[in-house]
Amino acid sequence: MASTSSFDVTTGVDFMEVGNAVTQATKEITQRYDFKGLKVSFELDQKEKTITLAAPDEYKLQAMWDVLQSKMVRRQVPLKNLTLGTVEPAAAASARQKVEIQDGLTSDMARDIVKVLKEAKLKRVQGAIQGDTVRVSSPSKDDLQEVITLLRGQDFGVELKFGNFRSN
């Protein structure tokens, strides 16, 4: 019987690094001259997987978003996994904006990945959706390398991670 090899395709962020980036962004904003005396804040909610930015106006929100992005890049958090929401008016003539953090593949993304695998017509390669990951298996490790190259060339709106390599 031929042995099969497999790997998992998923996406996600390290919430410890996200928390560190939010802390660093908060420090920088509080020390900046153009933010002195203003009520601005970053709030990370790990359960909801969101970051809420609060500022007096949209221009300050944009400046805060730029600072947060630079801190995320330094901490190697993929910016593709952050989705900026719409600006909402808040109390006392201030504005709020939510940033959604994509951690794990949605069912639509997983279906898209399996669809791409089927459309590529790679023989002996199978994709199986397992929760928020896609398990790709094949008897040939070369086929799996081809799948990784194929998936990296596609844009699914998030940064894909390949892991849990196994040979049976």
Protein backbone atom coordinates (compact mmCIF):
# COMPACT_ATOMS: atom_id res chain seq x y z
CA MET A 1 0.00 0.00 0.00
CA ALA A 2 1.36 3.41 -0.99
CA SER A 3 1.99 5.91 1.78
CA THR A 4 0.27 9.26 1.68
CA SER A 5 1.58 12.63 2.74
CA SER A 6 -0.52 15.56 3.85
CA PHE A 7 -0.45 19.09 5.18
CA ASP A 8 -2.95 21.61 6.53
CA VAL A 9 -3.82 24.96 4.99
CA THR A 10 -5.03 27.57 7.46
CA THR A 11 -4.69 31.23 8.33
CA GLY A 12 -4.36 33.14 11.54
CA VAL A 13 -2.51 35.61 13.69
CA ASP A 14 -0.55 35.37 16.89
CA PHE A 15 -2.75 37.24 19.38
CA MET A 16 0.23 37.80 21.68
CA GLU A 17 1.91 39.76 18.87
CA VAL A 18 -1.34 41.61 18.10
CA GLY A 19 -1.56 42.60 21.78
CA ASN A 20 2.05 43.80 21.74
CA ALA A 21 1.41 45.82 18.56
CA VAL A 22 -1.67 47.46 20.13
CA THR A 23 0.35 48.31 23.27
CA GLN A 24 3.16 49.83 21.19
CA ALA A 25 0.69 51.80 19.05
CA THR A 26 -1.00 53.13 22.21
CA LYS A 27 2.37 54.28 23.58
CA GLU A 28 3.28 56.03 20.34
CA ILE A 29 -0.11 57.77 20.02
CA THR A 30 -0.01 59.05 23.61
CA GLN A 31 3.44 60.53 23.04
CA ARG A 32 2.69 62.20 19.71
CA TYR A 33 2.26 65.98 19.74
CA ASP A 34 -0.81 65.97 17.45
CA PHE A 35 -2.63 63.67 19.90
CA LYS A 36 -1.81 65.55 23.15
CA GLY A 37 -4.88 66.07 25.30
CA LEU A 38 -7.19 64.12 23.00
CA LYS A 39 -9.26 61.13 24.04
CA VAL A 40 -8.02 58.33 21.77
CA SER A 41 -7.84 54.59 22.42
CA PHE A 42 -7.20 51.14 20.99
CA GLU A 43 -9.23 48.27 22.48
CA LEU A 44 -8.33 44.67 21.66
CA ASP A 45 -11.09 42.11 22.18
CA GLN A 46 -9.60 38.64 21.70
CA LYS A 47 -12.90 36.81 22.08
CA GLU A 48 -14.61 38.88 19.38
CA LYS A 49 -11.34 39.07 17.39
CA THR A 50 -11.61 42.82 16.93
CA ILE A 51 -9.65 45.99 17.64
CA THR A 52 -11.71 49.12 18.24
CA LEU A 53 -10.15 52.50 17.46
CA ALA A 54 -11.72 55.59 19.08
CA ALA A 55 -10.78 59.19 18.26
CA PRO A 56 -12.32 62.68 17.96
CA ASP A 57 -12.58 62.55 14.13
CA GLU A 58 -11.91 60.49 11.01
CA TYR A 59 -8.50 62.08 10.37
CA LYS A 60 -7.25 61.01 13.79
CA LEU A 61 -8.69 57.52 13.20
CA GLN A 62 -6.74 57.29 9.93
CA ALA A 63 -3.54 58.38 11.69
CA MET A 64 -4.15 55.77 14.41
CA TRP A 65 -4.76 53.08 11.77
CA ASP A 66 -1.46 53.98 10.06
CA VAL A 67 0.43 53.70 13.36
CA LEU A 68 -1.27 50.39 14.18
CA GLN A 69 -0.42 48.97 10.75
CA SER A 70 3.25 49.89 11.12
CA LYS A 71 3.37 48.18 14.53
CA MET A 72 1.64 45.08 13.12
CA VAL A 73 4.18 44.87 10.28
CA ARG A 74 7.08 45.11 12.74
CA ARG A 75 5.52 42.32 14.79
CA GLN A 76 5.02 40.21 11.61
CA VAL A 77 1.24 40.13 11.90
CA PRO A 78 -0.15 39.71 8.35
CA LEU A 79 -2.06 42.86 7.35
CA LYS A 80 -4.16 40.77 4.93
CA ASN A 81 -5.85 39.24 7.97
CA LEU A 82 -7.05 42.66 9.21
CA THR A 83 -10.27 44.10 7.78
CA LEU A 84 -11.01 47.75 8.47
CA GLY A 85 -14.67 48.47 9.19
CA THR A 86 -16.66 51.63 8.53
CA VAL A 87 -16.35 54.74 10.67
CA GLU A 88 -19.21 55.00 13.16
CA PRO A 89 -20.17 58.18 14.99
CA ALA A 90 -19.84 57.83 18.77
CA ALA A 91 -20.76 59.90 21.81
CA ALA A 92 -19.47 63.47 22.28
CA ALA A 93 -18.88 64.05 18.55
CA SER A 94 -16.21 61.38 18.35
CA ALA A 95 -15.74 58.49 15.91
CA ARG A 96 -15.15 54.78 16.26
CA GLN A 97 -13.86 52.17 13.87
CA LYS A 98 -13.57 48.39 14.23
CA VAL A 99 -10.83 46.24 12.76
CA GLU A 100 -11.82 42.60 12.25
CA ILE A 101 -9.06 40.03 12.76
CA GLN A 102 -9.35 36.92 10.57
CA ASP A 103 -8.16 33.91 12.57
CA GLY A 104 -8.87 30.63 10.79
CA LEU A 105 -10.45 30.01 7.40
CA THR A 106 -14.14 30.72 6.94
CA SER A 107 -16.20 27.97 5.33
CA ASP A 108 -16.37 30.01 2.09
CA MET A 109 -12.57 30.36 1.97
CA ALA A 110 -12.14 26.64 2.63
CA ARG A 111 -14.57 25.80 -0.20
CA ASP A 112 -12.67 28.19 -2.51
CA ILE A 113 -9.38 26.45 -1.71
CA VAL A 114 -10.86 23.00 -2.43
CA LYS A 115 -12.41 24.38 -5.63
CA VAL A 116 -9.02 25.71 -6.80
CA LEU A 117 -7.49 22.28 -6.11
CA LYS A 118 -10.18 20.55 -8.17
CA GLU A 119 -9.91 23.05 -11.04
CA ALA A 120 -6.14 22.51 -11.18
CA LYS A 121 -6.88 18.85 -12.06
CA LEU A 122 -3.91 17.56 -10.11
CA LYS A 123 -4.15 13.79 -10.09
CA ARG A 124 -3.96 12.01 -6.74
CA VAL A 125 -4.41 15.27 -4.76
CA GLN A 126 -7.37 15.53 -2.41
CA GLY A 127 -8.57 18.42 -0.29
CA ALA A 128 -10.77 17.90 2.75
CA ILE A 129 -12.33 20.66 4.84
CA GLN A 130 -11.80 20.11 8.57
CA GLY A 131 -13.32 22.98 10.53
CA ASP A 132 -11.26 26.10 9.86
CA THR A 133 -8.48 24.23 8.02
CA VAL A 134 -8.15 22.33 4.75
CA ARG A 135 -6.20 19.04 4.80
CA VAL A 136 -4.48 18.39 1.48
CA SER A 137 -3.21 14.84 0.89
CA SER A 138 -1.45 12.97 -1.89
CA PRO A 139 0.86 9.97 -2.28
CA SER A 140 3.41 12.24 -4.01
CA LYS A 141 5.29 14.92 -2.06
CA ASP A 142 6.06 16.65 -5.37
CA ASP A 143 2.31 17.08 -5.96
CA LEU A 144 2.00 18.66 -2.50
CA GLN A 145 4.81 21.09 -3.34
CA GLU A 146 2.92 21.96 -6.53
CA VAL A 147 -0.25 22.59 -4.47
CA ILE A 148 1.60 24.97 -2.13
CA THR A 149 2.96 26.90 -5.14
CA LEU A 150 -0.51 26.98 -6.70
CA LEU A 151 -2.21 28.25 -3.52
CA ARG A 152 0.46 30.92 -2.92
CA GLY A 153 -0.26 32.26 -6.41
CA GLN A 154 -3.97 32.72 -5.59
CA ASP A 155 -5.50 35.57 -3.60
CA PHE A 156 -7.97 34.40 -0.96
CA GLY A 157 -7.98 37.73 0.92
CA VAL A 158 -5.89 36.35 3.79
CA GLU A 159 -2.35 35.10 4.26
CA LEU A 160 -2.32 31.31 4.05
CA LYS A 161 -0.21 29.20 6.38
CA PHE A 162 0.95 25.71 5.54
CA GLY A 163 1.73 23.37 8.39
CA ASN A 164 1.27 20.00 10.07
CA PHE A 165 3.22 18.14 7.37
CA ARG A 166 2.80 14.37 7.74
CA SER A 167 3.83 11.19 5.98
CA ASN A 168 1.98 7.93 6.63
